[in-house]
Amino acid sequence: LPEAMSLLDKGIIPLLVDEHAECLEALKPDVLVDAILAKRNLGTRRDM
């Protein structure tokens, strides 16, 4: 996560290996976008 935040500060889009979005609690994003396009919900909740 620290490396990801450092990349954000440099204007780079960081990617993290995190299939189940376990980092959300630490990141506390303003917006979550489910763009998996699996044609079904793979665990995204409105309260994330």
ModelCIF file with pLDDT and N, C-alpha, C, O atoms, coordinates in Angstrom:
data_MODEL
#
_entry.id   MODEL 
#
_entity.id                         1 
_entity.type                       polymer 
_entity.pdbx_number_of_molecules   1 
#
_entity_poly.entity_id                      1 
_entity_poly.type                           'polypeptide(L)' 
_entity_poly.nstd_linkage                   no 
_entity_poly.nstd_monomer                   no 
_entity_poly.pdbx_seq_one_letter_code       LPEAMSLLDKGIIPLLVDEHAECLEALKPDVLVDAILAKRNLGTRRDM 
_entity_poly.pdbx_seq_one_letter_code_can   LPEAMSLLDKGIIPLLVDEHAECLEALKPDVLVDAILAKRNLGTRRDM 
_entity_poly.pdbx_strand_id                 A 
#
loop_
_entity_poly_seq.entity_id 
_entity_poly_seq.num 
_entity_poly_seq.mon_id 
_entity_poly_seq.hetero 
1 1  LEU n 
1 2  PRO n 
1 3  GLU n 
1 4  ALA n 
1 5  MET n 
1 6  SER n 
1 7  LEU n 
1 8  LEU n 
1 9  ASP n 
1 10 LYS n 
1 11 GLY n 
1 12 ILE n 
1 13 ILE n 
1 14 PRO n 
1 15 LEU n 
1 16 LEU n 
1 17 VAL n 
1 18 ASP n 
1 19 GLU n 
1 20 HIS n 
1 21 ALA n 
1 22 GLU n 
1 23 CYS n 
1 24 LEU n 
1 25 GLU n 
1 26 ALA n 
1 27 LEU n 
1 28 LYS n 
1 29 PRO n 
1 30 ASP n 
1 31 VAL n 
1 32 LEU n 
1 33 VAL n 
1 34 ASP n 
1 35 ALA n 
1 36 ILE n 
1 37 LEU n 
1 38 ALA n 
1 39 LYS n 
1 40 ARG n 
1 41 ASN n 
1 42 LEU n 
1 43 GLY n 
1 44 THR n 
1 45 ARG n 
1 46 ARG n 
1 47 ASP n 
1 48 MET n 
#
_struct_asym.id          A 
_struct_asym.entity_id   1 
#
loop_
_ma_qa_metric.id 
_ma_qa_metric.mode 
_ma_qa_metric.name 
_ma_qa_metric.software_group_id 
_ma_qa_metric.type 
1 global pLDDT . pLDDT 
2 local  pLDDT . pLDDT 
#
_ma_qa_metric_global.metric_id      1 
_ma_qa_metric_global.metric_value   91.21 
_ma_qa_metric_global.model_id       1 
_ma_qa_metric_global.ordinal_id     1 
#
loop_
_ma_qa_metric_local.label_asym_id 
_ma_qa_metric_local.label_comp_id 
_ma_qa_metric_local.label_seq_id 
_ma_qa_metric_local.metric_id 
_ma_qa_metric_local.metric_value 
_ma_qa_metric_local.model_id 
_ma_qa_metric_local.ordinal_id 
A LEU 1  2 86.00 1 1  
A PRO 2  2 83.00 1 2  
A GLU 3  2 88.00 1 3  
A ALA 4  2 90.00 1 4  
A MET 5  2 88.00 1 5  
A SER 6  2 86.00 1 6  
A LEU 7  2 89.00 1 7  
A LEU 8  2 89.00 1 8  
A ASP 9  2 82.00 1 9  
A LYS 10 2 85.00 1 10 
A GLY 11 2 87.00 1 11 
A ILE 12 2 92.00 1 12 
A ILE 13 2 95.00 1 13 
A PRO 14 2 96.00 1 14 
A LEU 15 2 95.00 1 15 
A LEU 16 2 94.00 1 16 
A VAL 17 2 93.00 1 17 
A ASP 18 2 92.00 1 18 
A GLU 19 2 92.00 1 19 
A HIS 20 2 92.00 1 20 
A ALA 21 2 92.00 1 21 
A GLU 22 2 90.00 1 22 
A CYS 23 2 90.00 1 23 
A LEU 24 2 91.00 1 24 
A GLU 25 2 87.00 1 25 
A ALA 26 2 86.00 1 26 
A LEU 27 2 88.00 1 27 
A LYS 28 2 89.00 1 28 
A PRO 29 2 93.00 1 29 
A ASP 30 2 92.00 1 30 
A VAL 31 2 95.00 1 31 
A LEU 32 2 96.00 1 32 
A VAL 33 2 97.00 1 33 
A ASP 34 2 97.00 1 34 
A ALA 35 2 96.00 1 35 
A ILE 36 2 95.00 1 36 
A LEU 37 2 93.00 1 37 
A ALA 38 2 91.00 1 38 
A LYS 39 2 91.00 1 39 
A ARG 40 2 91.00 1 40 
A ASN 41 2 93.00 1 41 
A LEU 42 2 92.00 1 42 
A GLY 43 2 92.00 1 43 
A THR 44 2 94.00 1 44 
A ARG 45 2 94.00 1 45 
A ARG 46 2 93.00 1 46 
A ASP 47 2 92.00 1 47 
A MET 48 2 94.00 1 48 
#
loop_
_atom_site.group_PDB 
_atom_site.id 
_atom_site.type_symbol 
_atom_site.label_atom_id 
_atom_site.label_alt_id 
_atom_site.label_comp_id 
_atom_site.label_asym_id 
_atom_site.label_entity_id 
_atom_site.label_seq_id 
_atom_site.pdbx_PDB_ins_code 
_atom_site.Cartn_x 
_atom_site.Cartn_y 
_atom_site.Cartn_z 
_atom_site.occupancy 
_atom_site.B_iso_or_equiv 
_atom_site.pdbx_formal_charge 
_atom_site.auth_seq_id 
_atom_site.auth_comp_id 
_atom_site.auth_asym_id 
_atom_site.auth_atom_id 
_atom_site.pdbx_PDB_model_num 
ATOM 1   N N  . LEU A 1 1  ? 0.821   -1.213  0.000   1.00 86.00 ? 1  LEU A N  1 
ATOM 2   C CA . LEU A 1 1  ? 0.000   0.000   0.000   1.00 86.00 ? 1  LEU A CA 1 
ATOM 3   C C  . LEU A 1 1  ? 0.857   1.267   0.000   1.00 86.00 ? 1  LEU A C  1 
ATOM 4   O O  . LEU A 1 1  ? 0.557   2.195   -0.750  1.00 86.00 ? 1  LEU A O  1 
ATOM 5   N N  . PRO A 1 2  ? 1.925   1.338   0.824   1.00 83.00 ? 2  PRO A N  1 
ATOM 6   C CA . PRO A 1 2  ? 2.760   2.547   0.765   1.00 83.00 ? 2  PRO A CA 1 
ATOM 7   C C  . PRO A 1 2  ? 3.339   2.795   -0.629  1.00 83.00 ? 2  PRO A C  1 
ATOM 8   O O  . PRO A 1 2  ? 3.406   3.937   -1.084  1.00 83.00 ? 2  PRO A O  1 
ATOM 9   N N  . GLU A 1 3  ? 3.755   1.724   -1.303  1.00 88.00 ? 3  GLU A N  1 
ATOM 10  C CA . GLU A 1 3  ? 4.281   1.883   -2.652  1.00 88.00 ? 3  GLU A CA 1 
ATOM 11  C C  . GLU A 1 3  ? 3.185   2.371   -3.593  1.00 88.00 ? 3  GLU A C  1 
ATOM 12  O O  . GLU A 1 3  ? 3.439   3.209   -4.458  1.00 88.00 ? 3  GLU A O  1 
ATOM 13  N N  . ALA A 1 4  ? 1.973   1.855   -3.432  1.00 90.00 ? 4  ALA A N  1 
ATOM 14  C CA . ALA A 1 4  ? 0.850   2.285   -4.271  1.00 90.00 ? 4  ALA A CA 1 
ATOM 15  C C  . ALA A 1 4  ? 0.552   3.765   -4.062  1.00 90.00 ? 4  ALA A C  1 
ATOM 16  O O  . ALA A 1 4  ? 0.309   4.488   -5.028  1.00 90.00 ? 4  ALA A O  1 
ATOM 17  N N  . MET A 1 5  ? 0.568   4.223   -2.812  1.00 88.00 ? 5  MET A N  1 
ATOM 18  C CA . MET A 1 5  ? 0.283   5.627   -2.536  1.00 88.00 ? 5  MET A CA 1 
ATOM 19  C C  . MET A 1 5  ? 1.378   6.523   -3.095  1.00 88.00 ? 5  MET A C  1 
ATOM 20  O O  . MET A 1 5  ? 1.104   7.629   -3.563  1.00 88.00 ? 5  MET A O  1 
ATOM 21  N N  . SER A 1 6  ? 2.615   6.049   -3.047  1.00 86.00 ? 6  SER A N  1 
ATOM 22  C CA . SER A 1 6  ? 3.727   6.816   -3.616  1.00 86.00 ? 6  SER A CA 1 
ATOM 23  C C  . SER A 1 6  ? 3.559   6.956   -5.126  1.00 86.00 ? 6  SER A C  1 
ATOM 24  O O  . SER A 1 6  ? 3.825   8.024   -5.678  1.00 86.00 ? 6  SER A O  1 
ATOM 25  N N  . LEU A 1 7  ? 3.119   5.890   -5.804  1.00 89.00 ? 7  LEU A N  1 
ATOM 26  C CA . LEU A 1 7  ? 2.887   5.951   -7.245  1.00 89.00 ? 7  LEU A CA 1 
ATOM 27  C C  . LEU A 1 7  ? 1.758   6.924   -7.574  1.00 89.00 ? 7  LEU A C  1 
ATOM 28  O O  . LEU A 1 7  ? 1.842   7.657   -8.559  1.00 89.00 ? 7  LEU A O  1 
ATOM 29  N N  . LEU A 1 8  ? 0.703   6.937   -6.760  1.00 89.00 ? 8  LEU A N  1 
ATOM 30  C CA . LEU A 1 8  ? -0.394  7.877   -6.968  1.00 89.00 ? 8  LEU A CA 1 
ATOM 31  C C  . LEU A 1 8  ? 0.106   9.315   -6.920  1.00 89.00 ? 8  LEU A C  1 
ATOM 32  O O  . LEU A 1 8  ? -0.304  10.152  -7.724  1.00 89.00 ? 8  LEU A O  1 
ATOM 33  N N  . ASP A 1 9  ? 0.991   9.591   -5.974  1.00 82.00 ? 9  ASP A N  1 
ATOM 34  C CA . ASP A 1 9  ? 1.531   10.944  -5.834  1.00 82.00 ? 9  ASP A CA 1 
ATOM 35  C C  . ASP A 1 9  ? 2.335   11.366  -7.051  1.00 82.00 ? 9  ASP A C  1 
ATOM 36  O O  . ASP A 1 9  ? 2.504   12.560  -7.299  1.00 82.00 ? 9  ASP A O  1 
ATOM 37  N N  . LYS A 1 10 ? 2.836   10.395  -7.816  1.00 85.00 ? 10 LYS A N  1 
ATOM 38  C CA . LYS A 1 10 ? 3.626   10.676  -9.010  1.00 85.00 ? 10 LYS A CA 1 
ATOM 39  C C  . LYS A 1 10 ? 2.773   10.699  -10.285 1.00 85.00 ? 10 LYS A C  1 
ATOM 40  O O  . LYS A 1 10 ? 3.308   10.844  -11.384 1.00 85.00 ? 10 LYS A O  1 
ATOM 41  N N  . GLY A 1 11 ? 1.456   10.558  -10.144 1.00 87.00 ? 11 GLY A N  1 
ATOM 42  C CA . GLY A 1 11 ? 0.588   10.568  -11.312 1.00 87.00 ? 11 GLY A CA 1 
ATOM 43  C C  . GLY A 1 11 ? 0.532   9.253   -12.053 1.00 87.00 ? 11 GLY A C  1 
ATOM 44  O O  . GLY A 1 11 ? 0.116   9.208   -13.211 1.00 87.00 ? 11 GLY A O  1 
ATOM 45  N N  . ILE A 1 12 ? 0.951   8.167   -11.391 1.00 92.00 ? 12 ILE A N  1 
ATOM 46  C CA . ILE A 1 12 ? 0.938   6.825   -11.987 1.00 92.00 ? 12 ILE A CA 1 
ATOM 47  C C  . ILE A 1 12 ? -0.246  6.043   -11.431 1.00 92.00 ? 12 ILE A C  1 
ATOM 48  O O  . ILE A 1 12 ? -0.584  6.184   -10.255 1.00 92.00 ? 12 ILE A O  1 
ATOM 49  N N  . ILE A 1 13 ? -0.880  5.222   -12.264 1.00 95.00 ? 13 ILE A N  1 
ATOM 50  C CA . ILE A 1 13 ? -1.976  4.367   -11.796 1.00 95.00 ? 13 ILE A CA 1 
ATOM 51  C C  . ILE A 1 13 ? -1.378  3.090   -11.233 1.00 95.00 ? 13 ILE A C  1 
ATOM 52  O O  . ILE A 1 13 ? -0.812  2.297   -11.985 1.00 95.00 ? 13 ILE A O  1 
ATOM 53  N N  . PRO A 1 14 ? -1.491  2.867   -9.907  1.00 96.00 ? 14 PRO A N  1 
ATOM 54  C CA . PRO A 1 14 ? -0.925  1.644   -9.326  1.00 96.00 ? 14 PRO A CA 1 
ATOM 55  C C  . PRO A 1 14 ? -1.896  0.476   -9.425  1.00 96.00 ? 14 PRO A C  1 
ATOM 56  O O  . PRO A 1 14 ? -3.112  0.664   -9.399  1.00 96.00 ? 14 PRO A O  1 
ATOM 57  N N  . LEU A 1 15 ? -1.351  -0.730  -9.539  1.00 95.00 ? 15 LEU A N  1 
ATOM 58  C CA . LEU A 1 15 ? -2.136  -1.961  -9.508  1.00 95.00 ? 15 LEU A CA 1 
ATOM 59  C C  . LEU A 1 15 ? -1.673  -2.811  -8.346  1.00 95.00 ? 15 LEU A C  1 
ATOM 60  O O  . LEU A 1 15 ? -0.474  -2.957  -8.110  1.00 95.00 ? 15 LEU A O  1 
ATOM 61  N N  . LEU A 1 16 ? -2.620  -3.369  -7.623  1.00 94.00 ? 16 LEU A N  1 
ATOM 62  C CA . LEU A 1 16 ? -2.328  -4.252  -6.491  1.00 94.00 ? 16 LEU A CA 1 
ATOM 63  C C  . LEU A 1 16 ? -2.972  -5.608  -6.744  1.00 94.00 ? 16 LEU A C  1 
ATOM 64  O O  . LEU A 1 16 ? -4.087  -5.688  -7.260  1.00 94.00 ? 16 LEU A O  1 
ATOM 65  N N  . VAL A 1 17 ? -2.266  -6.671  -6.378  1.00 93.00 ? 17 VAL A N  1 
ATOM 66  C CA . VAL A 1 17 ? -2.851  -8.005  -6.425  1.00 93.00 ? 17 VAL A CA 1 
ATOM 67  C C  . VAL A 1 17 ? -3.726  -8.142  -5.187  1.00 93.00 ? 17 VAL A C  1 
ATOM 68  O O  . VAL A 1 17 ? -3.226  -8.297  -4.073  1.00 93.00 ? 17 VAL A O  1 
ATOM 69  N N  . ASP A 1 18 ? -5.045  -8.082  -5.397  1.00 92.00 ? 18 ASP A N  1 
ATOM 70  C CA . ASP A 1 18 ? -5.993  -8.115  -4.275  1.00 92.00 ? 18 ASP A CA 1 
ATOM 71  C C  . ASP A 1 18 ? -7.364  -8.509  -4.837  1.00 92.00 ? 18 ASP A C  1 
ATOM 72  O O  . ASP A 1 18 ? -8.221  -7.657  -5.072  1.00 92.00 ? 18 ASP A O  1 
ATOM 73  N N  . GLU A 1 19 ? -7.549  -9.800  -5.043  1.00 92.00 ? 19 GLU A N  1 
ATOM 74  C CA . GLU A 1 19 ? -8.761  -10.305 -5.694  1.00 92.00 ? 19 GLU A CA 1 
ATOM 75  C C  . GLU A 1 19 ? -10.015 -9.961  -4.921  1.00 92.00 ? 19 GLU A C  1 
ATOM 76  O O  . GLU A 1 19 ? -11.053 -9.685  -5.522  1.00 92.00 ? 19 GLU A O  1 
ATOM 77  N N  . HIS A 1 20 ? -9.939  -9.971  -3.582  1.00 92.00 ? 20 HIS A N  1 
ATOM 78  C CA . HIS A 1 20 ? -11.130 -9.780  -2.756  1.00 92.00 ? 20 HIS A CA 1 
ATOM 79  C C  . HIS A 1 20 ? -11.232 -8.378  -2.159  1.00 92.00 ? 20 HIS A C  1 
ATOM 80  O O  . HIS A 1 20 ? -12.034 -8.157  -1.251  1.00 92.00 ? 20 HIS A O  1 
ATOM 81  N N  . ALA A 1 21 ? -10.450 -7.444  -2.644  1.00 92.00 ? 21 ALA A N  1 
ATOM 82  C CA . ALA A 1 21 ? -10.494 -6.043  -2.196  1.00 92.00 ? 21 ALA A CA 1 
ATOM 83  C C  . ALA A 1 21 ? -10.299 -5.915  -0.689  1.00 92.00 ? 21 ALA A C  1 
ATOM 84  O O  . ALA A 1 21 ? -10.998 -5.147  -0.027  1.00 92.00 ? 21 ALA A O  1 
ATOM 85  N N  . GLU A 1 22 ? -9.346  -6.672  -0.156  1.00 90.00 ? 22 GLU A N  1 
ATOM 86  C CA . GLU A 1 22 ? -9.110  -6.645  1.282   1.00 90.00 ? 22 GLU A CA 1 
ATOM 87  C C  . GLU A 1 22 ? -8.435  -5.357  1.746   1.00 90.00 ? 22 GLU A C  1 
ATOM 88  O O  . GLU A 1 22 ? -8.423  -5.063  2.942   1.00 90.00 ? 22 GLU A O  1 
ATOM 89  N N  . CYS A 1 23 ? -7.870  -4.583  0.811   1.00 90.00 ? 23 CYS A N  1 
ATOM 90  C CA . CYS A 1 23 ? -7.160  -3.369  1.188   1.00 90.00 ? 23 CYS A CA 1 
ATOM 91  C C  . CYS A 1 23 ? -8.080  -2.176  1.405   1.00 90.00 ? 23 CYS A C  1 
ATOM 92  O O  . CYS A 1 23 ? -7.617  -1.113  1.820   1.00 90.00 ? 23 CYS A O  1 
ATOM 93  N N  . LEU A 1 24 ? -9.371  -2.328  1.134   1.00 91.00 ? 24 LEU A N  1 
ATOM 94  C CA . LEU A 1 24 ? -10.284 -1.185  1.197   1.00 91.00 ? 24 LEU A CA 1 
ATOM 95  C C  . LEU A 1 24 ? -10.346 -0.561  2.585   1.00 91.00 ? 24 LEU A C  1 
ATOM 96  O O  . LEU A 1 24 ? -10.440 0.660   2.714   1.00 91.00 ? 24 LEU A O  1 
ATOM 97  N N  . GLU A 1 25 ? -10.295 -1.387  3.619   1.00 87.00 ? 25 GLU A N  1 
ATOM 98  C CA . GLU A 1 25 ? -10.387 -0.857  4.986   1.00 87.00 ? 25 GLU A CA 1 
ATOM 99  C C  . GLU A 1 25 ? -9.237  0.100   5.271   1.00 87.00 ? 25 GLU A C  1 
ATOM 100 O O  . GLU A 1 25 ? -9.420  1.124   5.930   1.00 87.00 ? 25 GLU A O  1 
ATOM 101 N N  . ALA A 1 26 ? -8.046  -0.239  4.770   1.00 86.00 ? 26 ALA A N  1 
ATOM 102 C CA . ALA A 1 26 ? -6.885  0.632   4.981   1.00 86.00 ? 26 ALA A CA 1 
ATOM 103 C C  . ALA A 1 26 ? -6.913  1.838   4.042   1.00 86.00 ? 26 ALA A C  1 
ATOM 104 O O  . ALA A 1 26 ? -6.517  2.934   4.437   1.00 86.00 ? 26 ALA A O  1 
ATOM 105 N N  . LEU A 1 27 ? -7.373  1.651   2.810   1.00 88.00 ? 27 LEU A N  1 
ATOM 106 C CA . LEU A 1 27 ? -7.358  2.734   1.826   1.00 88.00 ? 27 LEU A CA 1 
ATOM 107 C C  . LEU A 1 27 ? -8.451  3.767   2.057   1.00 88.00 ? 27 LEU A C  1 
ATOM 108 O O  . LEU A 1 27 ? -8.234  4.962   1.856   1.00 88.00 ? 27 LEU A O  1 
ATOM 109 N N  . LYS A 1 28 ? -9.628  3.304   2.480   1.00 89.00 ? 28 LYS A N  1 
ATOM 110 C CA . LYS A 1 28 ? -10.789 4.181   2.676   1.00 89.00 ? 28 LYS A CA 1 
ATOM 111 C C  . LYS A 1 28 ? -11.028 5.075   1.449   1.00 89.00 ? 28 LYS A C  1 
ATOM 112 O O  . LYS A 1 28 ? -10.965 6.300   1.554   1.00 89.00 ? 28 LYS A O  1 
ATOM 113 N N  . PRO A 1 29 ? -11.300 4.464   0.289   1.00 93.00 ? 29 PRO A N  1 
ATOM 114 C CA . PRO A 1 29 ? -11.491 5.265   -0.937  1.00 93.00 ? 29 PRO A CA 1 
ATOM 115 C C  . PRO A 1 29 ? -12.787 6.050   -0.903  1.00 93.00 ? 29 PRO A C  1 
ATOM 116 O O  . PRO A 1 29 ? -13.713 5.717   -0.163  1.00 93.00 ? 29 PRO A O  1 
ATOM 117 N N  . ASP A 1 30 ? -12.841 7.096   -1.713  1.00 92.00 ? 30 ASP A N  1 
ATOM 118 C CA . ASP A 1 30 ? -14.080 7.853   -1.873  1.00 92.00 ? 30 ASP A CA 1 
ATOM 119 C C  . ASP A 1 30 ? -15.070 7.101   -2.750  1.00 92.00 ? 30 ASP A C  1 
ATOM 120 O O  . ASP A 1 30 ? -16.282 7.190   -2.556  1.00 92.00 ? 30 ASP A O  1 
ATOM 121 N N  . VAL A 1 31 ? -14.533 6.353   -3.727  1.00 95.00 ? 31 VAL A N  1 
ATOM 122 C CA . VAL A 1 31 ? -15.386 5.651   -4.693  1.00 95.00 ? 31 VAL A CA 1 
ATOM 123 C C  . VAL A 1 31 ? -14.817 4.257   -4.933  1.00 95.00 ? 31 VAL A C  1 
ATOM 124 O O  . VAL A 1 31 ? -13.604 4.080   -5.042  1.00 95.00 ? 31 VAL A O  1 
ATOM 125 N N  . LEU A 1 32 ? -15.715 3.265   -5.014  1.00 96.00 ? 32 LEU A N  1 
ATOM 126 C CA . LEU A 1 32 ? -15.332 1.917   -5.446  1.00 96.00 ? 32 LEU A CA 1 
ATOM 127 C C  . LEU A 1 32 ? -16.085 1.608   -6.733  1.00 96.00 ? 32 LEU A C  1 
ATOM 128 O O  . LEU A 1 32 ? -17.305 1.758   -6.800  1.00 96.00 ? 32 LEU A O  1 
ATOM 129 N N  . VAL A 1 33 ? -15.343 1.171   -7.760  1.00 97.00 ? 33 VAL A N  1 
ATOM 130 C CA . VAL A 1 33 ? -15.960 0.791   -9.036  1.00 97.00 ? 33 VAL A CA 1 
ATOM 131 C C  . VAL A 1 33 ? -15.703 -0.692  -9.274  1.00 97.00 ? 33 VAL A C  1 
ATOM 132 O O  . VAL A 1 33 ? -14.551 -1.117  -9.367  1.00 97.00 ? 33 VAL A O  1 
ATOM 133 N N  . ASP A 1 34 ? -16.779 -1.487  -9.373  1.00 97.00 ? 34 ASP A N  1 
ATOM 134 C CA . ASP A 1 34 ? -16.635 -2.899  -9.730  1.00 97.00 ? 34 ASP A CA 1 
ATOM 135 C C  . ASP A 1 34 ? -16.646 -2.990  -11.250 1.00 97.00 ? 34 ASP A C  1 
ATOM 136 O O  . ASP A 1 34 ? -17.689 -2.857  -11.890 1.00 97.00 ? 34 ASP A O  1 
ATOM 137 N N  . ALA A 1 35 ? -15.454 -3.220  -11.816 1.00 96.00 ? 35 ALA A N  1 
ATOM 138 C CA . ALA A 1 35 ? -15.309 -3.310  -13.270 1.00 96.00 ? 35 ALA A CA 1 
ATOM 139 C C  . ALA A 1 35 ? -14.805 -4.689  -13.672 1.00 96.00 ? 35 ALA A C  1 
ATOM 140 O O  . ALA A 1 35 ? -14.098 -4.833  -14.669 1.00 96.00 ? 35 ALA A O  1 
ATOM 141 N N  . ILE A 1 36 ? -15.172 -5.704  -12.890 1.00 95.00 ? 36 ILE A N  1 
ATOM 142 C CA . ILE A 1 36 ? -14.746 -7.071  -13.186 1.00 95.00 ? 36 ILE A CA 1 
ATOM 143 C C  . ILE A 1 36 ? -15.463 -7.610  -14.416 1.00 95.00 ? 36 ILE A C  1 
ATOM 144 O O  . ILE A 1 36 ? -14.898 -8.397  -15.174 1.00 95.00 ? 36 ILE A O  1 
ATOM 145 N N  . LEU A 1 37 ? -16.722 -7.181  -14.616 1.00 93.00 ? 37 LEU A N  1 
ATOM 146 C CA . LEU A 1 37 ? -17.545 -7.596  -15.766 1.00 93.00 ? 37 LEU A CA 1 
ATOM 147 C C  . LEU A 1 37 ? -17.708 -9.116  -15.818 1.00 93.00 ? 37 LEU A C  1 
ATOM 148 O O  . LEU A 1 37 ? -17.576 -9.737  -16.873 1.00 93.00 ? 37 LEU A O  1 
ATOM 149 N N  . ALA A 1 38 ? -17.995 -9.690  -14.668 1.00 91.00 ? 38 ALA A N  1 
ATOM 150 C CA . ALA A 1 38 ? -18.195 -11.137 -14.590 1.00 91.00 ? 38 ALA A CA 1 
ATOM 151 C C  . ALA A 1 38 ? -19.650 -11.521 -14.853 1.00 91.00 ? 38 ALA A C  1 
ATOM 152 O O  . ALA A 1 38 ? -19.993 -12.702 -14.816 1.00 91.00 ? 38 ALA A O  1 
ATOM 153 N N  . LYS A 1 39 ? -20.506 -10.534 -15.120 1.00 91.00 ? 39 LYS A N  1 
ATOM 154 C CA . LYS A 1 39 ? -21.948 -10.732 -15.335 1.00 91.00 ? 39 LYS A CA 1 
ATOM 155 C C  . LYS A 1 39 ? -22.660 -11.190 -14.061 1.00 91.00 ? 39 LYS A C  1 
ATOM 156 O O  . LYS A 1 39 ? -23.827 -11.579 -14.098 1.00 91.00 ? 39 LYS A O  1 
ATOM 157 N N  . ARG A 1 40 ? -21.941 -11.139 -12.928 1.00 91.00 ? 40 ARG A N  1 
ATOM 158 C CA . ARG A 1 40 ? -22.515 -11.448 -11.623 1.00 91.00 ? 40 ARG A CA 1 
ATOM 159 C C  . ARG A 1 40 ? -21.674 -10.753 -10.556 1.00 91.00 ? 40 ARG A C  1 
ATOM 160 O O  . ARG A 1 40 ? -20.524 -10.387 -10.798 1.00 91.00 ? 40 ARG A O  1 
ATOM 161 N N  . ASN A 1 41 ? -22.251 -10.580 -9.395  1.00 93.00 ? 41 ASN A N  1 
ATOM 162 C CA . ASN A 1 41 ? -21.571 -9.891  -8.307  1.00 93.00 ? 41 ASN A CA 1 
ATOM 163 C C  . ASN A 1 41 ? -20.621 -10.855 -7.600  1.00 93.00 ? 41 ASN A C  1 
ATOM 164 O O  . ASN A 1 41 ? -21.048 -11.885 -7.079  1.00 93.00 ? 41 ASN A O  1 
ATOM 165 N N  . LEU A 1 42 ? -19.325 -10.515 -7.583  1.00 92.00 ? 42 LEU A N  1 
ATOM 166 C CA . LEU A 1 42 ? -18.320 -11.358 -6.945  1.00 92.00 ? 42 LEU A CA 1 
ATOM 167 C C  . LEU A 1 42 ? -17.902 -10.821 -5.576  1.00 92.00 ? 42 LEU A C  1 
ATOM 168 O O  . LEU A 1 42 ? -16.757 -10.982 -5.155  1.00 92.00 ? 42 LEU A O  1 
ATOM 169 N N  . GLY A 1 43 ? -18.855 -10.177 -4.889  1.00 92.00 ? 43 GLY A N  1 
ATOM 170 C CA . GLY A 1 43 ? -18.585 -9.777  -3.511  1.00 92.00 ? 43 GLY A CA 1 
ATOM 171 C C  . GLY A 1 43 ? -18.600 -8.293  -3.232  1.00 92.00 ? 43 GLY A C  1 
ATOM 172 O O  . GLY A 1 43 ? -18.289 -7.879  -2.115  1.00 92.00 ? 43 GLY A O  1 
ATOM 173 N N  . THR A 1 44 ? -18.953 -7.475  -4.215  1.00 94.00 ? 44 THR A N  1 
ATOM 174 C CA . THR A 1 44 ? -19.013 -6.036  -3.976  1.00 94.00 ? 44 THR A CA 1 
ATOM 175 C C  . THR A 1 44 ? -20.277 -5.684  -3.196  1.00 94.00 ? 44 THR A C  1 
ATOM 176 O O  . THR A 1 44 ? -21.372 -6.142  -3.524  1.00 94.00 ? 44 THR A O  1 
ATOM 177 N N  . ARG A 1 45 ? -20.104 -4.851  -2.144  1.00 94.00 ? 45 ARG A N  1 
ATOM 178 C CA . ARG A 1 45 ? -21.233 -4.412  -1.318  1.00 94.00 ? 45 ARG A CA 1 
ATOM 179 C C  . ARG A 1 45 ? -21.329 -2.891  -1.346  1.00 94.00 ? 45 ARG A C  1 
ATOM 180 O O  . ARG A 1 45 ? -20.341 -2.194  -1.577  1.00 94.00 ? 45 ARG A O  1 
ATOM 181 N N  . ARG A 1 46 ? -22.501 -2.408  -1.113  1.00 93.00 ? 46 ARG A N  1 
ATOM 182 C CA . ARG A 1 46 ? -22.743 -0.969  -1.162  1.00 93.00 ? 46 ARG A CA 1 
ATOM 183 C C  . ARG A 1 46 ? -21.990 -0.224  -0.062  1.00 93.00 ? 46 ARG A C  1 
ATOM 184 O O  . ARG A 1 46 ? -21.659 0.951   -0.218  1.00 93.00 ? 46 ARG A O  1 
ATOM 185 N N  . ASP A 1 47 ? -21.717 -0.918  1.064   1.00 92.00 ? 47 ASP A N  1 
ATOM 186 C CA . ASP A 1 47 ? -21.070 -0.250  2.194   1.00 92.00 ? 47 ASP A CA 1 
ATOM 187 C C  . ASP A 1 47 ? -19.547 -0.282  2.122   1.00 92.00 ? 47 ASP A C  1 
ATOM 188 O O  . ASP A 1 47 ? -18.883 0.104   3.083   1.00 92.00 ? 47 ASP A O  1 
ATOM 189 N N  . MET A 1 48 ? -18.981 -0.731  1.006   1.00 94.00 ? 48 MET A N  1 
ATOM 190 C CA . MET A 1 48 ? -17.517 -0.800  0.882   1.00 94.00 ? 48 MET A CA 1 
ATOM 191 C C  . MET A 1 48 ? -16.871 0.568   0.711   1.00 94.00 ? 48 MET A C  1 
ATOM 192 O O  . MET A 1 48 ? -15.650 0.664   0.594   1.00 94.00 ? 48 MET A O  1 
#
